[in-house]
N, C-alpha and C. Protein backbone atom coordinates (compact mmCIF):
# COMPACT_ATOMS: atom_id res chain seq x y z
N UNK A 1 116.59 99.55 89.60
CA UNK A 1 116.18 99.83 88.24
C UNK A 1 116.39 98.58 87.39
N UNK A 2 115.44 98.30 86.53
CA UNK A 2 115.56 97.18 85.61
C UNK A 2 116.28 97.67 84.35
N UNK A 3 117.57 97.42 84.28
CA UNK A 3 118.36 97.91 83.15
C UNK A 3 118.11 97.13 81.87
N UNK A 4 117.45 95.97 81.96
CA UNK A 4 117.21 95.16 80.75
C UNK A 4 116.36 95.88 79.72
N UNK A 5 115.58 96.84 80.14
CA UNK A 5 114.74 97.61 79.23
C UNK A 5 115.60 98.53 78.35
N UNK A 6 116.78 98.91 78.85
CA UNK A 6 117.60 99.91 78.18
C UNK A 6 118.96 99.42 77.68
N UNK A 7 119.44 98.32 78.22
CA UNK A 7 120.80 97.84 77.90
C UNK A 7 120.70 96.50 77.19
N UNK A 8 121.53 96.33 76.16
CA UNK A 8 121.56 95.05 75.46
C UNK A 8 122.99 94.66 75.13
N UNK A 9 123.17 93.36 74.93
CA UNK A 9 124.45 92.81 74.47
C UNK A 9 124.14 92.00 73.22
N UNK A 10 124.83 92.33 72.15
CA UNK A 10 124.62 91.66 70.88
C UNK A 10 125.99 91.55 70.22
N UNK A 11 126.42 90.33 69.88
CA UNK A 11 127.75 90.18 69.29
C UNK A 11 127.93 90.95 67.98
N UNK A 12 126.83 91.38 67.36
CA UNK A 12 126.90 92.13 66.11
C UNK A 12 127.01 93.64 66.32
N UNK A 13 126.87 94.07 67.58
CA UNK A 13 126.96 95.49 67.91
C UNK A 13 128.10 95.71 68.88
N UNK A 14 129.09 96.48 68.48
CA UNK A 14 130.23 96.82 69.32
C UNK A 14 130.89 95.58 69.93
N UNK A 15 130.98 94.52 69.13
CA UNK A 15 131.63 93.27 69.53
C UNK A 15 131.01 92.64 70.77
N UNK A 16 129.74 92.91 71.00
CA UNK A 16 129.05 92.29 72.13
C UNK A 16 129.15 93.04 73.45
N UNK A 17 129.81 94.20 73.43
CA UNK A 17 129.85 94.99 74.67
C UNK A 17 128.44 95.48 74.98
N UNK A 18 128.13 95.67 76.25
CA UNK A 18 126.80 96.19 76.58
C UNK A 18 126.65 97.63 76.08
N UNK A 19 125.54 97.86 75.39
CA UNK A 19 125.25 99.18 74.82
C UNK A 19 123.85 99.61 75.21
N UNK A 20 123.59 100.90 75.07
CA UNK A 20 122.24 101.40 75.23
C UNK A 20 121.46 100.97 74.00
N UNK A 21 120.33 100.31 74.21
CA UNK A 21 119.55 99.77 73.10
C UNK A 21 119.28 100.82 72.04
N UNK A 22 119.43 100.40 70.79
CA UNK A 22 119.17 101.30 69.67
C UNK A 22 120.30 102.25 69.35
N UNK A 23 121.43 102.10 70.07
CA UNK A 23 122.59 102.97 69.84
C UNK A 23 123.85 102.11 69.77
N UNK A 24 124.95 102.76 69.50
CA UNK A 24 126.25 102.12 69.59
C UNK A 24 127.03 102.73 70.77
N UNK A 25 126.31 103.32 71.70
CA UNK A 25 126.93 103.93 72.88
C UNK A 25 127.05 102.86 73.96
N UNK A 26 128.28 102.57 74.32
CA UNK A 26 128.54 101.50 75.28
C UNK A 26 128.37 102.00 76.73
N UNK A 27 128.05 101.05 77.58
CA UNK A 27 128.01 101.34 79.02
C UNK A 27 129.40 101.81 79.44
N UNK A 28 130.43 101.21 78.87
CA UNK A 28 131.80 101.62 79.19
C UNK A 28 132.02 103.10 78.90
N UNK A 29 131.54 103.60 77.78
CA UNK A 29 131.71 105.01 77.44
C UNK A 29 131.03 105.89 78.48
N UNK A 30 129.82 105.53 78.87
CA UNK A 30 129.11 106.31 79.88
C UNK A 30 129.90 106.33 81.18
N UNK A 31 130.39 105.17 81.59
CA UNK A 31 131.17 105.08 82.84
C UNK A 31 132.45 105.91 82.75
N UNK A 32 133.15 105.83 81.64
CA UNK A 32 134.39 106.59 81.50
C UNK A 32 134.13 108.10 81.51
N UNK A 33 133.08 108.53 80.83
CA UNK A 33 132.73 109.95 80.82
C UNK A 33 132.43 110.43 82.24
N UNK A 34 131.67 109.63 82.98
CA UNK A 34 131.34 110.02 84.35
C UNK A 34 132.58 110.00 85.24
N UNK A 35 133.47 109.06 85.01
CA UNK A 35 134.73 109.02 85.77
C UNK A 35 135.58 110.25 85.48
N UNK A 36 135.44 110.80 84.27
CA UNK A 36 136.17 112.01 83.90
C UNK A 36 135.50 113.28 84.41
N UNK A 37 134.37 113.13 85.11
CA UNK A 37 133.74 114.29 85.72
C UNK A 37 132.44 114.74 85.08
N UNK A 38 132.01 114.08 84.01
CA UNK A 38 130.73 114.44 83.41
C UNK A 38 129.60 114.11 84.37
N UNK A 39 128.54 114.90 84.33
CA UNK A 39 127.33 114.54 85.05
C UNK A 39 126.24 114.21 84.03
N UNK A 40 125.10 113.80 84.50
CA UNK A 40 124.04 113.36 83.58
C UNK A 40 123.63 114.49 82.64
N UNK A 41 123.51 115.70 83.14
CA UNK A 41 123.11 116.82 82.30
C UNK A 41 124.11 117.06 81.17
N UNK A 42 125.40 116.94 81.47
CA UNK A 42 126.42 117.12 80.43
C UNK A 42 126.36 116.00 79.39
N UNK A 43 126.12 114.78 79.85
CA UNK A 43 125.98 113.67 78.91
C UNK A 43 124.78 113.89 78.00
N UNK A 44 123.67 114.35 78.55
CA UNK A 44 122.48 114.61 77.74
C UNK A 44 122.73 115.72 76.73
N UNK A 45 123.55 116.69 77.10
CA UNK A 45 123.90 117.76 76.16
C UNK A 45 124.74 117.22 75.02
N UNK A 46 125.72 116.37 75.34
CA UNK A 46 126.59 115.79 74.32
C UNK A 46 125.90 114.71 73.48
N UNK A 47 124.95 114.02 74.09
CA UNK A 47 124.22 112.93 73.42
C UNK A 47 122.72 113.18 73.59
N UNK A 48 122.18 114.17 72.87
CA UNK A 48 120.79 114.59 73.09
C UNK A 48 119.74 113.52 72.77
N UNK A 49 120.13 112.49 72.05
CA UNK A 49 119.18 111.41 71.75
C UNK A 49 119.05 110.42 72.90
N UNK A 50 119.87 110.57 73.94
CA UNK A 50 119.76 109.70 75.12
C UNK A 50 118.78 110.30 76.11
N UNK A 51 118.33 109.45 77.03
CA UNK A 51 117.45 109.91 78.12
C UNK A 51 118.15 109.70 79.46
N UNK A 52 117.65 110.38 80.45
CA UNK A 52 118.16 110.21 81.81
C UNK A 52 118.03 108.75 82.22
N UNK A 53 116.91 108.12 81.87
CA UNK A 53 116.68 106.73 82.25
C UNK A 53 117.73 105.81 81.62
N UNK A 54 118.12 106.07 80.38
CA UNK A 54 119.13 105.23 79.73
C UNK A 54 120.48 105.37 80.42
N UNK A 55 120.83 106.57 80.82
CA UNK A 55 122.11 106.78 81.51
C UNK A 55 122.07 106.11 82.88
N UNK A 56 120.98 106.26 83.60
CA UNK A 56 120.86 105.61 84.91
C UNK A 56 120.87 104.09 84.76
N UNK A 57 120.29 103.58 83.69
CA UNK A 57 120.31 102.13 83.44
C UNK A 57 121.74 101.66 83.20
N UNK A 58 122.55 102.48 82.52
CA UNK A 58 123.96 102.14 82.31
C UNK A 58 124.69 102.02 83.64
N UNK A 59 124.42 102.95 84.53
CA UNK A 59 125.03 102.91 85.87
C UNK A 59 124.57 101.69 86.64
N UNK A 60 123.28 101.39 86.56
CA UNK A 60 122.74 100.22 87.27
C UNK A 60 123.34 98.94 86.71
N UNK A 61 123.49 98.86 85.39
CA UNK A 61 124.08 97.68 84.77
C UNK A 61 125.52 97.48 85.27
N UNK A 62 126.30 98.56 85.26
CA UNK A 62 127.69 98.47 85.71
C UNK A 62 127.75 98.05 87.18
N UNK A 63 126.88 98.59 88.00
CA UNK A 63 126.85 98.23 89.41
C UNK A 63 126.50 96.75 89.59
N UNK A 64 125.55 96.26 88.80
CA UNK A 64 125.18 94.85 88.89
C UNK A 64 126.32 93.93 88.46
N UNK A 65 127.05 94.32 87.43
CA UNK A 65 128.19 93.52 86.98
C UNK A 65 129.23 93.43 88.09
N UNK A 66 129.51 94.56 88.71
CA UNK A 66 130.50 94.57 89.80
C UNK A 66 129.99 93.77 91.00
N UNK A 67 128.72 93.93 91.31
CA UNK A 67 128.16 93.22 92.47
C UNK A 67 128.20 91.71 92.29
N UNK A 68 128.13 91.26 91.05
CA UNK A 68 128.07 89.82 90.78
C UNK A 68 129.40 89.21 90.35
N UNK A 69 130.46 90.01 90.37
CA UNK A 69 131.75 89.45 89.97
C UNK A 69 132.28 88.53 91.06
N UNK A 70 133.06 87.56 90.63
CA UNK A 70 133.68 86.64 91.58
C UNK A 70 134.99 87.24 92.06
N UNK A 71 135.23 87.15 93.33
CA UNK A 71 136.48 87.65 93.91
C UNK A 71 137.31 86.45 94.28
N UNK A 72 138.54 86.43 93.80
CA UNK A 72 139.45 85.34 94.08
C UNK A 72 140.57 85.88 94.97
N UNK A 73 140.70 85.28 96.13
CA UNK A 73 141.71 85.71 97.07
C UNK A 73 143.07 85.17 96.63
N UNK A 74 144.06 86.03 96.61
CA UNK A 74 145.41 85.57 96.28
C UNK A 74 146.23 85.48 97.55
N UNK A 75 147.14 84.54 97.54
CA UNK A 75 147.97 84.33 98.73
C UNK A 75 149.40 84.68 98.41
């Protein structure tokens, strides 16, 4: 999924954290809610102005960040 259509980073919005475009809902919030057991349907109920695609884009963005992080081996 191309998350660039749905996710943006702007230093003037939420201190530059990645958010769903047009909102102040951070990717971090979506990830934390899902870690607490929420599913997409529950998120849509709590945030009816969001779409399934926006939530999936948040997940894709988070996965890409993790996939591209540098791992430093400690000894």
